[in-house]
Amino acid sequence: MAAVVLHEQRWGVPSGLPCVLLVHATGDTSADWAEVAAGLSVDRLVVAVDLRGHGESPRPGSYALGELAEDLVVVADSLAAEQGRPVDVVAHSLGGLVACLLASRRPGLVRRLVLEDVPVPHPRDPRPPERPDGDLAFDWEAVLQVRAQIDEPDPAWPQVVAGVTAPTLVVWGGPSSPMPAEHVAEMAETVADGRLLRIDAGHLVHARQPVAFTAAVRGFLALPD
């Protein structure tokens, strides 16, 4: 399936610093990043997307992780061309896996990568979620398809992660996170240039500890190349 055009929200204005591309988790939208985006956009352009099936982006009914990644490639490629330099990517949970695919497939588009509570995928017991009542800001089919791909992941994921050459900060949410600590640590160890930071906030680090998360991101993005 061809890439779809993703809805974007923008904060700040272009500057001498790389643009930051924000990628949300399953069931969230670009609006989930509003507080972090405000903190990051004081000196640069910040762009958050709605992944396919979420928010105001199209709902094509097909949600393979590779398709989500191809959609993101189009956005990153456009921003890199617009800004004349690779982008910095900050991504949460599902968004982090999509960002890993982007960074592995198109390393020239990503300068630095921040992965919020993102483990290397390993097989796990399926726990089908129950659909919430009422209208949703996302396609429920996207949740079901994504969960299936994470419960029984492609065995090539370690190679994908090893192909991420951009300097990478992996933020773990601490022992209250449902993500296995050893698999989050594996992410930081498997990328070519990774480091691990613990912020005790559970899985929703940027939502529960926005000041600490934003400060960590800004500090990492400011490190010399």
C-alpha atoms as a PDB file:
ATOM      1  CA  MET A   1       0.000   0.000   0.000  1.00  0.00           C
ATOM      2  CA  ALA A   2       1.252   3.471  -0.874  1.00  0.00           C
ATOM      3  CA  ALA A   3       2.208   5.926   1.846  1.00  0.00           C
ATOM      4  CA  VAL A   4      -0.537   8.193   3.148  1.00  0.00           C
ATOM      5  CA  VAL A   5      -0.210  11.898   3.888  1.00  0.00           C
ATOM      6  CA  LEU A   6       0.023  12.358   7.646  1.00  0.00           C
ATOM      7  CA  HIS A   7      -1.605  15.231   9.504  1.00  0.00           C
ATOM      8  CA  GLU A   8       0.935  17.503  11.224  1.00  0.00           C
ATOM      9  CA  GLN A   9       0.939  20.012  14.058  1.00  0.00           C
ATOM     10  CA  ARG A  10       3.735  22.571  14.242  1.00  0.00           C
ATOM     11  CA  TRP A  11       5.216  24.647  17.053  1.00  0.00           C
ATOM     12  CA  GLY A  12       7.986  27.232  16.878  1.00  0.00           C
ATOM     13  CA  VAL A  13       9.801  28.429  13.799  1.00  0.00           C
ATOM     14  CA  PRO A  14      12.806  27.233  11.800  1.00  0.00           C
ATOM     15  CA  SER A  15      16.148  28.200  13.291  1.00  0.00           C
ATOM     16  CA  GLY A  16      19.767  27.166  13.109  1.00  0.00           C
ATOM     17  CA  LEU A  17      18.891  24.004  15.062  1.00  0.00           C
ATOM     18  CA  PRO A  18      17.502  20.787  13.576  1.00  0.00           C
ATOM     19  CA  CYS A  19      13.760  20.321  13.431  1.00  0.00           C
ATOM     20  CA  VAL A  20      12.309  17.883  15.982  1.00  0.00           C
ATOM     21  CA  LEU A  21       9.812  15.297  14.724  1.00  0.00           C
ATOM     22  CA  LEU A  22       7.508  13.854  17.429  1.00  0.00           C
ATOM     23  CA  VAL A  23       5.844  10.445  16.989  1.00  0.00           C
ATOM     24  CA  HIS A  24       3.087   9.246  19.350  1.00  0.00           C
ATOM     25  CA  ALA A  25       2.079   5.859  20.757  1.00  0.00           C
ATOM     26  CA  THR A  26      -0.827   3.579  19.838  1.00  0.00           C
ATOM     27  CA  GLY A  27      -4.152   5.264  20.478  1.00  0.00           C
ATOM     28  CA  ASP A  28      -2.662   8.741  20.914  1.00  0.00           C
ATOM     29  CA  THR A  29      -2.374  11.677  18.513  1.00  0.00           C
ATOM     30  CA  SER A  30      -0.061  14.583  17.829  1.00  0.00           C
ATOM     31  CA  ALA A  31      -1.913  16.575  20.514  1.00  0.00           C
ATOM     32  CA  ASP A  32      -0.438  14.245  23.147  1.00  0.00           C
ATOM     33  CA  TRP A  33       2.887  16.059  22.682  1.00  0.00           C
ATOM     34  CA  ALA A  34       1.618  19.606  23.299  1.00  0.00           C
ATOM     35  CA  GLU A  35       3.436  20.251  26.593  1.00  0.00           C
ATOM     36  CA  VAL A  36       6.725  18.742  25.454  1.00  0.00           C
ATOM     37  CA  ALA A  37       6.476  20.503  22.102  1.00  0.00           C
ATOM     38  CA  ALA A  38       6.059  23.854  23.846  1.00  0.00           C
ATOM     39  CA  GLY A  39       9.284  23.234  25.769  1.00  0.00           C
ATOM     40  CA  LEU A  40      11.256  22.080  22.751  1.00  0.00           C
ATOM     41  CA  SER A  41      10.031  24.781  20.363  1.00  0.00           C
ATOM     42  CA  VAL A  42      11.524  27.771  22.177  1.00  0.00           C
ATOM     43  CA  ASP A  43      14.463  27.706  19.781  1.00  0.00           C
ATOM     44  CA  ARG A  44      13.511  25.409  16.902  1.00  0.00           C
ATOM     45  CA  LEU A  45      10.710  24.070  14.734  1.00  0.00           C
ATOM     46  CA  VAL A  46       8.834  21.112  16.242  1.00  0.00           C
ATOM     47  CA  VAL A  47       6.505  18.936  14.180  1.00  0.00           C
ATOM     48  CA  ALA A  48       4.212  16.217  15.561  1.00  0.00           C
ATOM     49  CA  VAL A  49       2.342  13.804  13.306  1.00  0.00           C
ATOM     50  CA  ASP A  50      -0.790  11.701  13.581  1.00  0.00           C
ATOM     51  CA  LEU A  51       0.206   8.201  12.479  1.00  0.00           C
ATOM     52  CA  ARG A  52      -2.083   6.543   9.951  1.00  0.00           C
ATOM     53  CA  GLY A  53      -5.304   5.481  11.618  1.00  0.00           C
ATOM     54  CA  HIS A  54      -4.946   8.143  14.315  1.00  0.00           C
ATOM     55  CA  GLY A  55      -6.281  11.662  14.770  1.00  0.00           C
ATOM     56  CA  GLU A  56      -6.794  13.522  11.525  1.00  0.00           C
ATOM     57  CA  SER A  57      -4.636  11.248   9.376  1.00  0.00           C
ATOM     58  CA  PRO A  58      -6.249   8.805   6.920  1.00  0.00           C
ATOM     59  CA  ARG A  59      -7.638   5.477   8.129  1.00  0.00           C
ATOM     60  CA  PRO A  60      -6.781   3.127   5.248  1.00  0.00           C
ATOM     61  CA  GLY A  61      -7.503  -0.063   7.209  1.00  0.00           C
ATOM     62  CA  SER A  62      -3.989  -1.452   6.749  1.00  0.00           C
ATOM     63  CA  TYR A  63      -1.531  -0.859   9.590  1.00  0.00           C
ATOM     64  CA  ALA A  64       1.620  -2.871   8.997  1.00  0.00           C
ATOM     65  CA  LEU A  65       4.515  -1.319  10.908  1.00  0.00           C
ATOM     66  CA  GLY A  66       6.439  -1.056   7.663  1.00  0.00           C
ATOM     67  CA  GLU A  67       3.605   1.014   6.210  1.00  0.00           C
ATOM     68  CA  LEU A  68       3.589   3.329   9.206  1.00  0.00           C
ATOM     69  CA  ALA A  69       7.336   3.726   8.709  1.00  0.00           C
ATOM     70  CA  GLU A  70       6.997   4.577   5.032  1.00  0.00           C
ATOM     71  CA  ASP A  71       4.478   7.293   5.927  1.00  0.00           C
ATOM     72  CA  LEU A  72       7.011   8.710   8.385  1.00  0.00           C
ATOM     73  CA  VAL A  73       9.813   8.541   5.824  1.00  0.00           C
ATOM     74  CA  VAL A  74       7.810  10.903   3.617  1.00  0.00           C
ATOM     75  CA  VAL A  75       7.432  13.404   6.477  1.00  0.00           C
ATOM     76  CA  ALA A  76      11.094  13.198   7.536  1.00  0.00           C
ATOM     77  CA  ASP A  77      12.273  13.497   3.944  1.00  0.00           C
ATOM     78  CA  SER A  78      10.123  16.578   3.395  1.00  0.00           C
ATOM     79  CA  LEU A  79      11.312  18.223   6.624  1.00  0.00           C
ATOM     80  CA  ALA A  80      14.962  17.431   5.865  1.00  0.00           C
ATOM     81  CA  ALA A  81      14.590  19.003   2.429  1.00  0.00           C
ATOM     82  CA  GLU A  82      12.742  22.004   3.894  1.00  0.00           C
ATOM     83  CA  GLN A  83      15.357  22.575   6.604  1.00  0.00           C
ATOM     84  CA  GLY A  84      18.423  21.498   4.631  1.00  0.00           C
ATOM     85  CA  ARG A  85      19.521  19.014   7.320  1.00  0.00           C
ATOM     86  CA  PRO A  86      18.431  15.736   8.956  1.00  0.00           C
ATOM     87  CA  VAL A  87      15.782  15.848  11.654  1.00  0.00           C
ATOM     88  CA  ASP A  88      15.872  14.862  15.312  1.00  0.00           C
ATOM     89  CA  VAL A  89      13.171  12.310  16.171  1.00  0.00           C
ATOM     90  CA  VAL A  90      11.492  11.848  19.561  1.00  0.00           C
ATOM     91  CA  ALA A  91       9.125   8.894  19.725  1.00  0.00           C
ATOM     92  CA  HIS A  92       7.028   7.013  22.299  1.00  0.00           C
ATOM     93  CA  SER A  93       6.183   3.291  22.418  1.00  0.00           C
ATOM     94  CA  LEU A  94       4.725   2.286  19.011  1.00  0.00           C
ATOM     95  CA  GLY A  95       6.075   5.538  17.612  1.00  0.00           C
ATOM     96  CA  GLY A  96       9.524   4.444  18.748  1.00  0.00           C
ATOM     97  CA  LEU A  97       9.347   1.236  16.742  1.00  0.00           C
ATOM     98  CA  VAL A  98       8.206   3.190  13.695  1.00  0.00           C
ATOM     99  CA  ALA A  99      11.059   5.650  14.264  1.00  0.00           C
ATOM    100  CA  CYS A 100      13.550   2.766  14.490  1.00  0.00           C
ATOM    101  CA  LEU A 101      12.381   1.537  11.100  1.00  0.00           C
ATOM    102  CA  LEU A 102      12.776   5.063   9.703  1.00  0.00           C
ATOM    103  CA  ALA A 103      16.263   5.503  11.157  1.00  0.00           C
ATOM    104  CA  SER A 104      17.391   2.048  10.035  1.00  0.00           C
ATOM    105  CA  ARG A 105      16.000   2.333   6.506  1.00  0.00           C
ATOM    106  CA  ARG A 106      16.947   5.972   5.899  1.00  0.00           C
ATOM    107  CA  PRO A 107      19.850   6.850   8.222  1.00  0.00           C
ATOM    108  CA  GLY A 108      20.589  10.053   6.339  1.00  0.00           C
ATOM    109  CA  LEU A 109      17.264  11.531   7.470  1.00  0.00           C
ATOM    110  CA  VAL A 110      17.781  11.181  11.245  1.00  0.00           C
ATOM    111  CA  ARG A 111      20.455  13.110  13.167  1.00  0.00           C
ATOM    112  CA  ARG A 112      19.504  12.014  16.688  1.00  0.00           C
ATOM    113  CA  LEU A 113      16.839   9.685  18.078  1.00  0.00           C
ATOM    114  CA  VAL A 114      15.038   9.653  21.436  1.00  0.00           C
ATOM    115  CA  LEU A 115      13.039   6.505  22.269  1.00  0.00           C
ATOM    116  CA  GLU A 116      10.625   6.795  25.192  1.00  0.00           C
ATOM    117  CA  ASP A 117      10.034   3.426  26.914  1.00  0.00           C
ATOM    118  CA  VAL A 118      10.668   1.387  23.758  1.00  0.00           C
ATOM    119  CA  PRO A 119      11.929  -2.199  24.090  1.00  0.00           C
ATOM    120  CA  VAL A 120      13.322  -4.426  21.380  1.00  0.00           C
ATOM    121  CA  PRO A 121      10.248  -6.512  20.458  1.00  0.00           C
ATOM    122  CA  HIS A 122      10.152 -10.088  21.764  1.00  0.00           C
ATOM    123  CA  PRO A 123       7.299 -12.601  21.539  1.00  0.00           C
ATOM    124  CA  ARG A 124       4.770 -12.238  24.333  1.00  0.00           C
ATOM    125  CA  ASP A 125       1.441 -13.761  25.332  1.00  0.00           C
ATOM    126  CA  PRO A 126      -1.376 -12.023  23.419  1.00  0.00           C
ATOM    127  CA  ARG A 127      -3.751 -10.027  25.580  1.00  0.00           C
ATOM    128  CA  PRO A 128      -6.433  -8.724  23.221  1.00  0.00           C
ATOM    129  CA  PRO A 129      -7.588  -5.310  24.431  1.00  0.00           C
ATOM    130  CA  GLU A 130     -11.244  -4.436  24.867  1.00  0.00           C
ATOM    131  CA  ARG A 131     -12.547  -1.631  22.708  1.00  0.00           C
ATOM    132  CA  PRO A 132     -13.593   1.443  24.691  1.00  0.00           C
ATOM    133  CA  ASP A 133     -17.174   2.640  24.271  1.00  0.00           C
ATOM    134  CA  GLY A 134     -18.065   5.550  22.039  1.00  0.00           C
ATOM    135  CA  ASP A 135     -16.245   7.371  19.282  1.00  0.00           C
ATOM    136  CA  LEU A 136     -12.466   7.056  19.258  1.00  0.00           C
ATOM    137  CA  ALA A 137      -9.757   9.412  18.037  1.00  0.00           C
ATOM    138  CA  PHE A 138      -8.214   6.446  16.222  1.00  0.00           C
ATOM    139  CA  ASP A 139      -9.187   3.398  14.189  1.00  0.00           C
ATOM    140  CA  TRP A 140      -9.645   0.427  16.538  1.00  0.00           C
ATOM    141  CA  GLU A 141      -8.440  -1.838  13.758  1.00  0.00           C
ATOM    142  CA  ALA A 142      -5.066  -0.089  13.987  1.00  0.00           C
ATOM    143  CA  VAL A 143      -4.803  -1.131  17.639  1.00  0.00           C
ATOM    144  CA  LEU A 144      -5.612  -4.760  16.828  1.00  0.00           C
ATOM    145  CA  GLN A 145      -3.169  -4.961  13.924  1.00  0.00           C
ATOM    146  CA  VAL A 146      -0.352  -3.255  15.785  1.00  0.00           C
ATOM    147  CA  ARG A 147      -0.812  -5.432  18.876  1.00  0.00           C
ATOM    148  CA  ALA A 148      -0.635  -8.577  16.745  1.00  0.00           C
ATOM    149  CA  GLN A 149       2.665  -7.451  15.207  1.00  0.00           C
ATOM    150  CA  ILE A 150       4.140  -6.691  18.626  1.00  0.00           C
ATOM    151  CA  ASP A 151       2.875  -9.914  20.248  1.00  0.00           C
ATOM    152  CA  GLU A 152       4.480 -11.961  17.461  1.00  0.00           C
ATOM    153  CA  PRO A 153       7.245  -9.662  16.208  1.00  0.00           C
ATOM    154  CA  ASP A 154       9.218 -10.020  13.021  1.00  0.00           C
ATOM    155  CA  PRO A 155      12.386 -11.955  13.905  1.00  0.00           C
ATOM    156  CA  ALA A 156      14.379  -9.344  11.988  1.00  0.00           C
ATOM    157  CA  TRP A 157      13.848  -6.691  14.695  1.00  0.00           C
ATOM    158  CA  PRO A 158      17.335  -7.095  16.254  1.00  0.00           C
ATOM    159  CA  GLN A 159      18.849  -6.425  12.825  1.00  0.00           C
ATOM    160  CA  VAL A 160      16.590  -3.403  12.341  1.00  0.00           C
ATOM    161  CA  VAL A 161      17.643  -1.967  15.694  1.00  0.00           C
ATOM    162  CA  ALA A 162      21.325  -2.685  15.025  1.00  0.00           C
ATOM    163  CA  GLY A 163      20.940  -0.714  11.799  1.00  0.00           C
ATOM    164  CA  VAL A 164      20.090   2.482  13.717  1.00  0.00           C
ATOM    165  CA  THR A 165      23.277   4.533  13.456  1.00  0.00           C
ATOM    166  CA  ALA A 166      21.979   7.867  14.806  1.00  0.00           C
ATOM    167  CA  PRO A 167      23.053   8.613  18.399  1.00  0.00           C
ATOM    168  CA  THR A 168      20.122   7.357  20.458  1.00  0.00           C
ATOM    169  CA  LEU A 169      18.797   8.161  23.928  1.00  0.00           C
ATOM    170  CA  VAL A 170      16.534   5.447  25.358  1.00  0.00           C
ATOM    171  CA  VAL A 171      14.386   6.718  28.225  1.00  0.00           C
ATOM    172  CA  TRP A 172      13.053   3.981  30.507  1.00  0.00           C
ATOM    173  CA  GLY A 173      10.092   4.720  32.756  1.00  0.00           C
ATOM    174  CA  GLY A 174      11.433   2.741  35.700  1.00  0.00           C
ATOM    175  CA  PRO A 175      10.047  -0.338  37.471  1.00  0.00           C
ATOM    176  CA  SER A 176       6.421   0.816  37.214  1.00  0.00           C
ATOM    177  CA  SER A 177       6.637   0.644  33.418  1.00  0.00           C
ATOM    178  CA  PRO A 178       5.039  -2.469  31.875  1.00  0.00           C
ATOM    179  CA  MET A 179       7.902  -2.636  29.390  1.00  0.00           C
ATOM    180  CA  PRO A 180      10.476  -5.289  30.399  1.00  0.00           C
ATOM    181  CA  ALA A 181      13.528  -3.502  31.761  1.00  0.00           C
ATOM    182  CA  GLU A 182      15.919  -5.931  30.092  1.00  0.00           C
ATOM    183  CA  HIS A 183      14.338  -5.363  26.677  1.00  0.00           C
ATOM    184  CA  VAL A 184      14.481  -1.572  27.023  1.00  0.00           C
ATOM    185  CA  ALA A 185      18.132  -1.867  28.058  1.00  0.00           C
ATOM    186  CA  GLU A 186      18.671  -4.140  25.057  1.00  0.00           C
ATOM    187  CA  MET A 187      17.459  -1.323  22.823  1.00  0.00           C
ATOM    188  CA  ALA A 188      20.138   1.028  24.172  1.00  0.00           C
ATOM    189  CA  GLU A 189      22.766  -1.702  23.847  1.00  0.00           C
ATOM    190  CA  THR A 190      21.833  -2.791  20.300  1.00  0.00           C
ATOM    191  CA  VAL A 191      21.674   0.535  18.467  1.00  0.00           C
ATOM    192  CA  ALA A 192      25.072   1.630  17.193  1.00  0.00           C
ATOM    193  CA  ASP A 193      25.424   4.567  19.622  1.00  0.00           C
ATOM    194  CA  GLY A 194      22.980   4.254  22.499  1.00  0.00           C
ATOM    195  CA  ARG A 195      22.607   5.429  26.077  1.00  0.00           C
ATOM    196  CA  LEU A 196      19.956   4.636  28.684  1.00  0.00           C
ATOM    197  CA  LEU A 197      18.264   7.090  31.050  1.00  0.00           C
ATOM    198  CA  ARG A 198      15.784   6.195  33.792  1.00  0.00           C
ATOM    199  CA  ILE A 199      12.971   8.585  34.697  1.00  0.00           C
ATOM    200  CA  ASP A 200      10.574   7.000  37.175  1.00  0.00           C
ATOM    201  CA  ALA A 201       7.207   7.718  35.607  1.00  0.00           C
ATOM    202  CA  GLY A 202       5.927   4.436  34.212  1.00  0.00           C
ATOM    203  CA  HIS A 203       5.189   4.080  30.510  1.00  0.00           C
ATOM    204  CA  LEU A 204       3.940   7.658  30.036  1.00  0.00           C
ATOM    205  CA  VAL A 205       7.174   9.439  30.863  1.00  0.00           C
ATOM    206  CA  HIS A 206       6.580  12.565  28.800  1.00  0.00           C
ATOM    207  CA  ALA A 207       3.041  12.955  30.174  1.00  0.00           C
ATOM    208  CA  ARG A 208       3.785  12.287  33.855  1.00  0.00           C
ATOM    209  CA  GLN A 209       7.208  13.937  34.041  1.00  0.00           C
ATOM    210  CA  PRO A 210       7.136  16.476  31.189  1.00  0.00           C
ATOM    211  CA  VAL A 211       9.696  18.846  32.705  1.00  0.00           C
ATOM    212  CA  ALA A 212      12.256  16.120  33.384  1.00  0.00           C
ATOM    213  CA  PHE A 213      11.613  14.471  30.032  1.00  0.00           C
ATOM    214  CA  THR A 214      11.888  17.716  28.066  1.00  0.00           C
ATOM    215  CA  ALA A 215      15.087  18.674  29.897  1.00  0.00           C
ATOM    216  CA  ALA A 216      16.614  15.274  29.111  1.00  0.00           C
ATOM    217  CA  VAL A 217      15.672  15.567  25.455  1.00  0.00           C
ATOM    218  CA  ARG A 218      16.999  19.111  25.132  1.00  0.00           C
ATOM    219  CA  GLY A 219      20.263  18.126  26.813  1.00  0.00           C
ATOM    220  CA  PHE A 220      20.733  15.134  24.540  1.00  0.00           C
ATOM    221  CA  LEU A 221      19.919  17.054  21.356  1.00  0.00           C
ATOM    222  CA  ALA A 222      22.415  19.770  22.382  1.00  0.00           C
ATOM    223  CA  LEU A 223      25.357  17.389  22.659  1.00  0.00           C
ATOM    224  CA  PRO A 224      28.064  18.025  20.059  1.00  0.00           C
ATOM    225  CA  ASP A 225      27.953  15.850  16.955  1.00  0.00           C
END
